[in-house]
Amino acid sequence: METIDKLSSAAEEAAEKIASVTSQATEALGEKGEQLKEMEEQLMEDARDYIREHPFTSMGIALAAGFMLSQITTQTLEHRR
């Protein structure tokens, strides 16, 4: 009976440690998620500001990016045939 009690106690301690580590990891991930969300919001704000300040340059960048994407997708589709 004493062995079972020891094993039970050890299992309870292990479960408590696992719960503690899991809680700490969840908290850390939550903080990182918040930081990433704040960074995303800042990047979007910066992009909007840039577009407002440089509308013609922004249009040129968008056109160039669209052209490049169309070339890449066209080549990929042709290569698959």
PDB file of N, CA and C in Angstrom:
ATOM      1  N   MET A   1       0.815  -1.189   0.000  1.00  0.00           N
ATOM      2  CA  MET A   1       0.000   0.000   0.000  1.00  0.00           C
ATOM      3  C   MET A   1       0.862   1.258   0.000  1.00  0.00           C
ATOM      4  N   GLU A   2       1.969   1.191   0.733  1.00  0.00           N
ATOM      5  CA  GLU A   2       2.871   2.339   0.822  1.00  0.00           C
ATOM      6  C   GLU A   2       3.473   2.665  -0.543  1.00  0.00           C
ATOM      7  N   THR A   3       3.793   1.664  -1.335  1.00  0.00           N
ATOM      8  CA  THR A   3       4.354   1.862  -2.668  1.00  0.00           C
ATOM      9  C   THR A   3       3.341   2.556  -3.571  1.00  0.00           C
ATOM     10  N   ILE A   4       2.088   2.155  -3.476  1.00  0.00           N
ATOM     11  CA  ILE A   4       1.038   2.773  -4.282  1.00  0.00           C
ATOM     12  C   ILE A   4       0.872   4.230  -3.890  1.00  0.00           C
ATOM     13  N   ASP A   5       0.933   4.522  -2.603  1.00  0.00           N
ATOM     14  CA  ASP A   5       0.822   5.910  -2.149  1.00  0.00           C
ATOM     15  C   ASP A   5       1.983   6.758  -2.664  1.00  0.00           C
ATOM     16  N   LYS A   6       3.193   6.196  -2.636  1.00  0.00           N
ATOM     17  CA  LYS A   6       4.361   6.913  -3.146  1.00  0.00           C
ATOM     18  C   LYS A   6       4.228   7.188  -4.646  1.00  0.00           C
ATOM     19  N   LEU A   7       3.801   6.160  -5.385  1.00  0.00           N
ATOM     20  CA  LEU A   7       3.618   6.325  -6.818  1.00  0.00           C
ATOM     21  C   LEU A   7       2.532   7.360  -7.117  1.00  0.00           C
ATOM     22  N   SER A   8       1.471   7.313  -6.355  1.00  0.00           N
ATOM     23  CA  SER A   8       0.378   8.263  -6.540  1.00  0.00           C
ATOM     24  C   SER A   8       0.849   9.677  -6.252  1.00  0.00           C
ATOM     25  N   SER A   9       1.619   9.826  -5.190  1.00  0.00           N
ATOM     26  CA  SER A   9       2.151  11.139  -4.824  1.00  0.00           C
ATOM     27  C   SER A   9       3.106  11.654  -5.903  1.00  0.00           C
ATOM     28  N   ALA A  10       3.954  10.781  -6.396  1.00  0.00           N
ATOM     29  CA  ALA A  10       4.900  11.177  -7.443  1.00  0.00           C
ATOM     30  C   ALA A  10       4.151  11.564  -8.718  1.00  0.00           C
ATOM     31  N   ALA A  11       3.097  10.833  -9.050  1.00  0.00           N
ATOM     32  CA  ALA A  11       2.308  11.147 -10.237  1.00  0.00           C
ATOM     33  C   ALA A  11       1.620  12.501 -10.081  1.00  0.00           C
ATOM     34  N   GLU A  12       1.121  12.780  -8.890  1.00  0.00           N
ATOM     35  CA  GLU A  12       0.473  14.067  -8.633  1.00  0.00           C
ATOM     36  C   GLU A  12       1.473  15.217  -8.773  1.00  0.00           C
ATOM     37  N   GLU A  13       2.677  15.031  -8.248  1.00  0.00           N
ATOM     38  CA  GLU A  13       3.710  16.059  -8.363  1.00  0.00           C
ATOM     39  C   GLU A  13       4.084  16.288  -9.825  1.00  0.00           C
ATOM     40  N   ALA A  14       4.222  15.212 -10.577  1.00  0.00           N
ATOM     41  CA  ALA A  14       4.564  15.328 -11.992  1.00  0.00           C
ATOM     42  C   ALA A  14       3.455  16.060 -12.743  1.00  0.00           C
ATOM     43  N   ALA A  15       2.213  15.731 -12.430  1.00  0.00           N
ATOM     44  CA  ALA A  15       1.088  16.391 -13.089  1.00  0.00           C
ATOM     45  C   ALA A  15       1.062  17.882 -12.756  1.00  0.00           C
ATOM     46  N   GLU A  16       1.367  18.235 -11.520  1.00  0.00           N
ATOM     47  CA  GLU A  16       1.404  19.639 -11.116  1.00  0.00           C
ATOM     48  C   GLU A  16       2.517  20.385 -11.853  1.00  0.00           C
ATOM     49  N   LYS A  17       3.689  19.747 -11.979  1.00  0.00           N
ATOM     50  CA  LYS A  17       4.800  20.370 -12.705  1.00  0.00           C
ATOM     51  C   LYS A  17       4.434  20.574 -14.174  1.00  0.00           C
ATOM     52  N   ILE A  18       3.819  19.569 -14.768  1.00  0.00           N
ATOM     53  CA  ILE A  18       3.406  19.678 -16.177  1.00  0.00           C
ATOM     54  C   ILE A  18       2.391  20.794 -16.338  1.00  0.00           C
ATOM     55  N   ALA A  19       1.442  20.883 -15.436  1.00  0.00           N
ATOM     56  CA  ALA A  19       0.431  21.938 -15.502  1.00  0.00           C
ATOM     57  C   ALA A  19       1.080  23.306 -15.364  1.00  0.00           C
ATOM     58  N   SER A  20       2.066  23.418 -14.494  1.00  0.00           N
ATOM     59  CA  SER A  20       2.756  24.687 -14.295  1.00  0.00           C
ATOM     60  C   SER A  20       3.528  25.097 -15.548  1.00  0.00           C
ATOM     61  N   VAL A  21       4.257  24.162 -16.124  1.00  0.00           N
ATOM     62  CA  VAL A  21       5.029  24.448 -17.332  1.00  0.00           C
ATOM     63  C   VAL A  21       4.094  24.801 -18.488  1.00  0.00           C
ATOM     64  N   THR A  22       3.005  24.072 -18.616  1.00  0.00           N
ATOM     65  CA  THR A  22       2.030  24.347 -19.662  1.00  0.00           C
ATOM     66  C   THR A  22       1.446  25.741 -19.496  1.00  0.00           C
ATOM     67  N   SER A  23       1.143  26.098 -18.273  1.00  0.00           N
ATOM     68  CA  SER A  23       0.597  27.428 -17.999  1.00  0.00           C
ATOM     69  C   SER A  23       1.601  28.516 -18.364  1.00  0.00           C
ATOM     70  N   GLN A  24       2.862  28.318 -18.009  1.00  0.00           N
ATOM     71  CA  GLN A  24       3.901  29.285 -18.340  1.00  0.00           C
ATOM     72  C   GLN A  24       4.078  29.411 -19.847  1.00  0.00           C
ATOM     73  N   ALA A  25       4.051  28.290 -20.552  1.00  0.00           N
ATOM     74  CA  ALA A  25       4.202  28.312 -22.012  1.00  0.00           C
ATOM     75  C   ALA A  25       3.027  29.027 -22.664  1.00  0.00           C
ATOM     76  N   THR A  26       1.832  28.755 -22.171  1.00  0.00           N
ATOM     77  CA  THR A  26       0.637  29.410 -22.713  1.00  0.00           C
ATOM     78  C   THR A  26       0.710  30.911 -22.517  1.00  0.00           C
ATOM     79  N   GLU A  27       1.159  31.320 -21.352  1.00  0.00           N
ATOM     80  CA  GLU A  27       1.291  32.751 -21.059  1.00  0.00           C
ATOM     81  C   GLU A  27       2.328  33.398 -21.972  1.00  0.00           C
ATOM     82  N   ALA A  28       3.463  32.741 -22.160  1.00  0.00           N
ATOM     83  CA  ALA A  28       4.522  33.279 -23.023  1.00  0.00           C
ATOM     84  C   ALA A  28       4.035  33.385 -24.463  1.00  0.00           C
ATOM     85  N   LEU A  29       3.329  32.366 -24.941  1.00  0.00           N
ATOM     86  CA  LEU A  29       2.812  32.395 -26.308  1.00  0.00           C
ATOM     87  C   LEU A  29       1.767  33.492 -26.473  1.00  0.00           C
ATOM     88  N   GLY A  30       0.964  33.693 -25.449  1.00  0.00           N
ATOM     89  CA  GLY A  30      -0.029  34.760 -25.497  1.00  0.00           C
ATOM     90  C   GLY A  30       0.629  36.118 -25.616  1.00  0.00           C
ATOM     91  N   GLU A  31       1.704  36.321 -24.867  1.00  0.00           N
ATOM     92  CA  GLU A  31       2.432  37.588 -24.927  1.00  0.00           C
ATOM     93  C   GLU A  31       3.056  37.785 -26.310  1.00  0.00           C
ATOM     94  N   LYS A  32       3.643  36.732 -26.865  1.00  0.00           N
ATOM     95  CA  LYS A  32       4.254  36.824 -28.197  1.00  0.00           C
ATOM     96  C   LYS A  32       3.181  37.095 -29.245  1.00  0.00           C
ATOM     97  N   GLY A  33       2.031  36.472 -29.089  1.00  0.00           N
ATOM     98  CA  GLY A  33       0.940  36.707 -30.019  1.00  0.00           C
ATOM     99  C   GLY A  33       0.499  38.158 -30.005  1.00  0.00           C
ATOM    100  N   GLU A  34       0.430  38.732 -28.829  1.00  0.00           N
ATOM    101  CA  GLU A  34       0.069  40.148 -28.700  1.00  0.00           C
ATOM    102  C   GLU A  34       1.121  41.035 -29.353  1.00  0.00           C
ATOM    103  N   GLN A  35       2.390  40.694 -29.144  1.00  0.00           N
ATOM    104  CA  GLN A  35       3.466  41.477 -29.754  1.00  0.00           C
ATOM    105  C   GLN A  35       3.384  41.405 -31.281  1.00  0.00           C
ATOM    106  N   LEU A  36       3.119  40.212 -31.813  1.00  0.00           N
ATOM    107  CA  LEU A  36       3.004  40.061 -33.268  1.00  0.00           C
ATOM    108  C   LEU A  36       1.814  40.844 -33.809  1.00  0.00           C
ATOM    109  N   LYS A  37       0.724  40.830 -33.068  1.00  0.00           N
ATOM    110  CA  LYS A  37      -0.466  41.571 -33.498  1.00  0.00           C
ATOM    111  C   LYS A  37      -0.180  43.068 -33.524  1.00  0.00           C
ATOM    112  N   GLU A  38       0.516  43.557 -32.495  1.00  0.00           N
ATOM    113  CA  GLU A  38       0.876  44.974 -32.453  1.00  0.00           C
ATOM    114  C   GLU A  38       1.823  45.343 -33.599  1.00  0.00           C
ATOM    115  N   MET A  39       2.768  44.444 -33.909  1.00  0.00           N
ATOM    116  CA  MET A  39       3.691  44.694 -35.021  1.00  0.00           C
ATOM    117  C   MET A  39       2.941  44.743 -36.347  1.00  0.00           C
ATOM    118  N   GLU A  40       1.979  43.837 -36.510  1.00  0.00           N
ATOM    119  CA  GLU A  40       1.187  43.817 -37.745  1.00  0.00           C
ATOM    120  C   GLU A  40       0.413  45.126 -37.895  1.00  0.00           C
ATOM    121  N   GLU A  41      -0.205  45.556 -36.811  1.00  0.00           N
ATOM    122  CA  GLU A  41      -0.968  46.807 -36.858  1.00  0.00           C
ATOM    123  C   GLU A  41      -0.065  47.989 -37.198  1.00  0.00           C
ATOM    124  N   GLN A  42       1.140  48.003 -36.640  1.00  0.00           N
ATOM    125  CA  GLN A  42       2.085  49.095 -36.914  1.00  0.00           C
ATOM    126  C   GLN A  42       2.528  49.066 -38.378  1.00  0.00           C
ATOM    127  N   LEU A  43       2.805  47.881 -38.899  1.00  0.00           N
ATOM    128  CA  LEU A  43       3.205  47.759 -40.302  1.00  0.00           C
ATOM    129  C   LEU A  43       2.092  48.220 -41.243  1.00  0.00           C
ATOM    130  N   MET A  44       0.856  47.855 -40.938  1.00  0.00           N
ATOM    131  CA  MET A  44      -0.269  48.290 -41.770  1.00  0.00           C
ATOM    132  C   MET A  44      -0.424  49.810 -41.718  1.00  0.00           C
ATOM    133  N   GLU A  45      -0.266  50.380 -40.540  1.00  0.00           N
ATOM    134  CA  GLU A  45      -0.356  51.843 -40.396  1.00  0.00           C
ATOM    135  C   GLU A  45       0.758  52.523 -41.189  1.00  0.00           C
ATOM    136  N   ASP A  46       1.968  51.983 -41.099  1.00  0.00           N
ATOM    137  CA  ASP A  46       3.096  52.544 -41.846  1.00  0.00           C
ATOM    138  C   ASP A  46       2.849  52.453 -43.356  1.00  0.00           C
ATOM    139  N   ALA A  47       2.311  51.319 -43.802  1.00  0.00           N
ATOM    140  CA  ALA A  47       2.034  51.151 -45.228  1.00  0.00           C
ATOM    141  C   ALA A  47       0.980  52.151 -45.695  1.00  0.00           C
ATOM    142  N   ARG A  48      -0.070  52.329 -44.898  1.00  0.00           N
ATOM    143  CA  ARG A  48      -1.107  53.306 -45.267  1.00  0.00           C
ATOM    144  C   ARG A  48      -0.523  54.720 -45.349  1.00  0.00           C
ATOM    145  N   ASP A  49       0.314  55.050 -44.377  1.00  0.00           N
ATOM    146  CA  ASP A  49       0.939  56.378 -44.385  1.00  0.00           C
ATOM    147  C   ASP A  49       1.798  56.565 -45.633  1.00  0.00           C
ATOM    148  N   TYR A  50       2.584  55.538 -45.976  1.00  0.00           N
ATOM    149  CA  TYR A  50       3.451  55.624 -47.149  1.00  0.00           C
ATOM    150  C   TYR A  50       2.618  55.823 -48.413  1.00  0.00           C
ATOM    151  N   ILE A  51       1.521  55.071 -48.518  1.00  0.00           N
ATOM    152  CA  ILE A  51       0.666  55.175 -49.708  1.00  0.00           C
ATOM    153  C   ILE A  51       0.059  56.571 -49.808  1.00  0.00           C
ATOM    154  N   ARG A  52      -0.358  57.138 -48.684  1.00  0.00           N
ATOM    155  CA  ARG A  52      -0.915  58.494 -48.701  1.00  0.00           C
ATOM    156  C   ARG A  52       0.134  59.528 -49.099  1.00  0.00           C
ATOM    157  N   GLU A  53       1.356  59.337 -48.624  1.00  0.00           N
ATOM    158  CA  GLU A  53       2.425  60.304 -48.886  1.00  0.00           C
ATOM    159  C   GLU A  53       3.027  60.139 -50.286  1.00  0.00           C
ATOM    160  N   HIS A  54       2.997  58.935 -50.838  1.00  0.00           N
ATOM    161  CA  HIS A  54       3.614  58.641 -52.131  1.00  0.00           C
ATOM    162  C   HIS A  54       2.654  57.831 -53.006  1.00  0.00           C
ATOM    163  N   PRO A  55       1.545  58.419 -53.440  1.00  0.00           N
ATOM    164  CA  PRO A  55       0.546  57.634 -54.178  1.00  0.00           C
ATOM    165  C   PRO A  55       1.049  57.101 -55.520  1.00  0.00           C
ATOM    166  N   PHE A  56       1.821  57.890 -56.256  1.00  0.00           N
ATOM    167  CA  PHE A  56       2.289  57.434 -57.572  1.00  0.00           C
ATOM    168  C   PHE A  56       3.339  56.339 -57.443  1.00  0.00           C
ATOM    169  N   THR A  57       4.232  56.497 -56.499  1.00  0.00           N
ATOM    170  CA  THR A  57       5.238  55.452 -56.259  1.00  0.00           C
ATOM    171  C   THR A  57       4.549  54.169 -55.815  1.00  0.00           C
ATOM    172  N   SER A  58       3.550  54.296 -54.952  1.00  0.00           N
ATOM    173  CA  SER A  58       2.810  53.123 -54.480  1.00  0.00           C
ATOM    174  C   SER A  58       2.116  52.411 -55.624  1.00  0.00           C
ATOM    175  N   MET A  59       1.541  53.185 -56.535  1.00  0.00           N
ATOM    176  CA  MET A  59       0.871  52.599 -57.697  1.00  0.00           C
ATOM    177  C   MET A  59       1.887  51.856 -58.562  1.00  0.00           C
ATOM    178  N   GLY A  60       3.070  52.434 -58.755  1.00  0.00           N
ATOM    179  CA  GLY A  60       4.115  51.773 -59.539  1.00  0.00           C
ATOM    180  C   GLY A  60       4.572  50.475 -58.898  1.00  0.00           C
ATOM    181  N   ILE A  61       4.729  50.502 -57.589  1.00  0.00           N
ATOM    182  CA  ILE A  61       5.138  49.286 -56.874  1.00  0.00           C
ATOM    183  C   ILE A  61       4.065  48.211 -57.019  1.00  0.00           C
ATOM    184  N   ALA A  62       2.799  48.605 -56.876  1.00  0.00           N
ATOM    185  CA  ALA A  62       1.701  47.644 -56.998  1.00  0.00           C
ATOM    186  C   ALA A  62       1.653  47.050 -58.401  1.00  0.00           C
ATOM    187  N   LEU A  63       1.824  47.892 -59.417  1.00  0.00           N
ATOM    188  CA  LEU A  63       1.817  47.391 -60.795  1.00  0.00           C
ATOM    189  C   LEU A  63       2.988  46.439 -61.049  1.00  0.00           C
ATOM    190  N   ALA A  64       4.170  46.800 -60.561  1.00  0.00           N
ATOM    191  CA  ALA A  64       5.342  45.939 -60.744  1.00  0.00           C
ATOM    192  C   ALA A  64       5.154  44.606 -60.028  1.00  0.00           C
ATOM    193  N   ALA A  65       4.629  44.650 -58.813  1.00  0.00           N
ATOM    194  CA  ALA A  65       4.397  43.408 -58.061  1.00  0.00           C
ATOM    195  C   ALA A  65       3.369  42.535 -58.775  1.00  0.00           C
ATOM    196  N   GLY A  66       2.306  43.151 -59.269  1.00  0.00           N
ATOM    197  CA  GLY A  66       1.291  42.400 -60.001  1.00  0.00           C
ATOM    198  C   GLY A  66       1.849  41.768 -61.257  1.00  0.00           C
ATOM    199  N   PHE A  67       2.681  42.520 -61.984  1.00  0.00           N
ATOM    200  CA  PHE A  67       3.302  41.989 -63.198  1.00  0.00           C
ATOM    201  C   PHE A  67       4.203  40.801 -62.865  1.00  0.00           C
ATOM    202  N   MET A  68       5.008  40.948 -61.815  1.00  0.00           N
ATOM    203  CA  MET A  68       5.907  39.860 -61.423  1.00  0.00           C
ATOM    204  C   MET A  68       5.117  38.616 -61.022  1.00  0.00           C
ATOM    205  N   LEU A  69       4.062  38.798 -60.250  1.00  0.00           N
ATOM    206  CA  LEU A  69       3.239  37.654 -59.846  1.00  0.00           C
ATOM    207  C   LEU A  69       2.590  36.981 -61.049  1.00  0.00           C
ATOM    208  N   SER A  70       2.140  37.780 -62.010  1.00  0.00           N
ATOM    209  CA  SER A  70       1.526  37.188 -63.201  1.00  0.00           C
ATOM    210  C   SER A  70       2.556  36.384 -63.992  1.00  0.00           C
ATOM    211  N   GLN A  71       3.784  36.873 -64.068  1.00  0.00           N
ATOM    212  CA  GLN A  71       4.837  36.154 -64.777  1.00  0.00           C
ATOM    213  C   GLN A  71       5.178  34.840 -64.074  1.00  0.00           C
ATOM    214  N   ILE A  72       5.256  34.899 -62.773  1.00  0.00           N
ATOM    215  CA  ILE A  72       5.582  33.692 -61.997  1.00  0.00           C
ATOM    216  C   ILE A  72       4.475  32.655 -62.134  1.00  0.00           C
ATOM    217  N   THR A  73       3.225  33.082 -61.987  1.00  0.00           N
ATOM    218  CA  THR A  73       2.130  32.118 -62.082  1.00  0.00           C
ATOM    219  C   THR A  73       1.988  31.574 -63.498  1.00  0.00           C
ATOM    220  N   THR A  74       2.211  32.400 -64.498  1.00  0.00           N
ATOM    221  CA  THR A  74       2.130  31.934 -65.883  1.00  0.00           C
ATOM    222  C   THR A  74       3.209  30.890 -66.145  1.00  0.00           C
ATOM    223  N   GLN A  75       4.417  31.160 -65.699  1.00  0.00           N
ATOM    224  CA  GLN A  75       5.504  30.205 -65.899  1.00  0.00           C
ATOM    225  C   GLN A  75       5.245  28.915 -65.138  1.00  0.00           C
ATOM    226  N   THR A  76       4.709  29.017 -63.946  1.00  0.00           N
ATOM    227  CA  THR A  76       4.411  27.825 -63.150  1.00  0.00           C
ATOM    228  C   THR A  76       3.345  26.985 -63.831  1.00  0.00           C
ATOM    229  N   LEU A  77       2.290  27.647 -64.324  1.00  0.00           N
ATOM    230  CA  LEU A  77       1.232  26.905 -65.005  1.00  0.00           C
ATOM    231  C   LEU A  77       1.725  26.263 -66.292  1.00  0.00           C
ATOM    232  N   GLU A  78       2.561  26.959 -67.037  1.00  0.00           N
ATOM    233  CA  GLU A  78       3.107  26.398 -68.284  1.00  0.00           C
ATOM    234  C   GLU A  78       4.041  25.231 -68.006  1.00  0.00           C
ATOM    235  N   HIS A  79       4.778  25.335 -66.921  1.00  0.00           N
ATOM    236  CA  HIS A  79       5.724  24.277 -66.572  1.00  0.00           C
ATOM    237  C   HIS A  79       4.985  22.998 -66.166  1.00  0.00           C
ATOM    238  N   ARG A  80       3.822  23.116 -65.579  1.00  0.00           N
ATOM    239  CA  ARG A  80       3.041  21.945 -65.139  1.00  0.00           C
ATOM    240  C   ARG A  80       2.405  21.210 -66.311  1.00  0.00           C
ATOM    241  N   ARG A  81       2.250  21.849 -67.429  1.00  0.00           N
ATOM    242  CA  ARG A  81       1.582  21.203 -68.582  1.00  0.00           C
ATOM    243  C   ARG A  81       2.452  20.227 -69.245  1.00  0.00           C
TER     244      ARG A  81
END
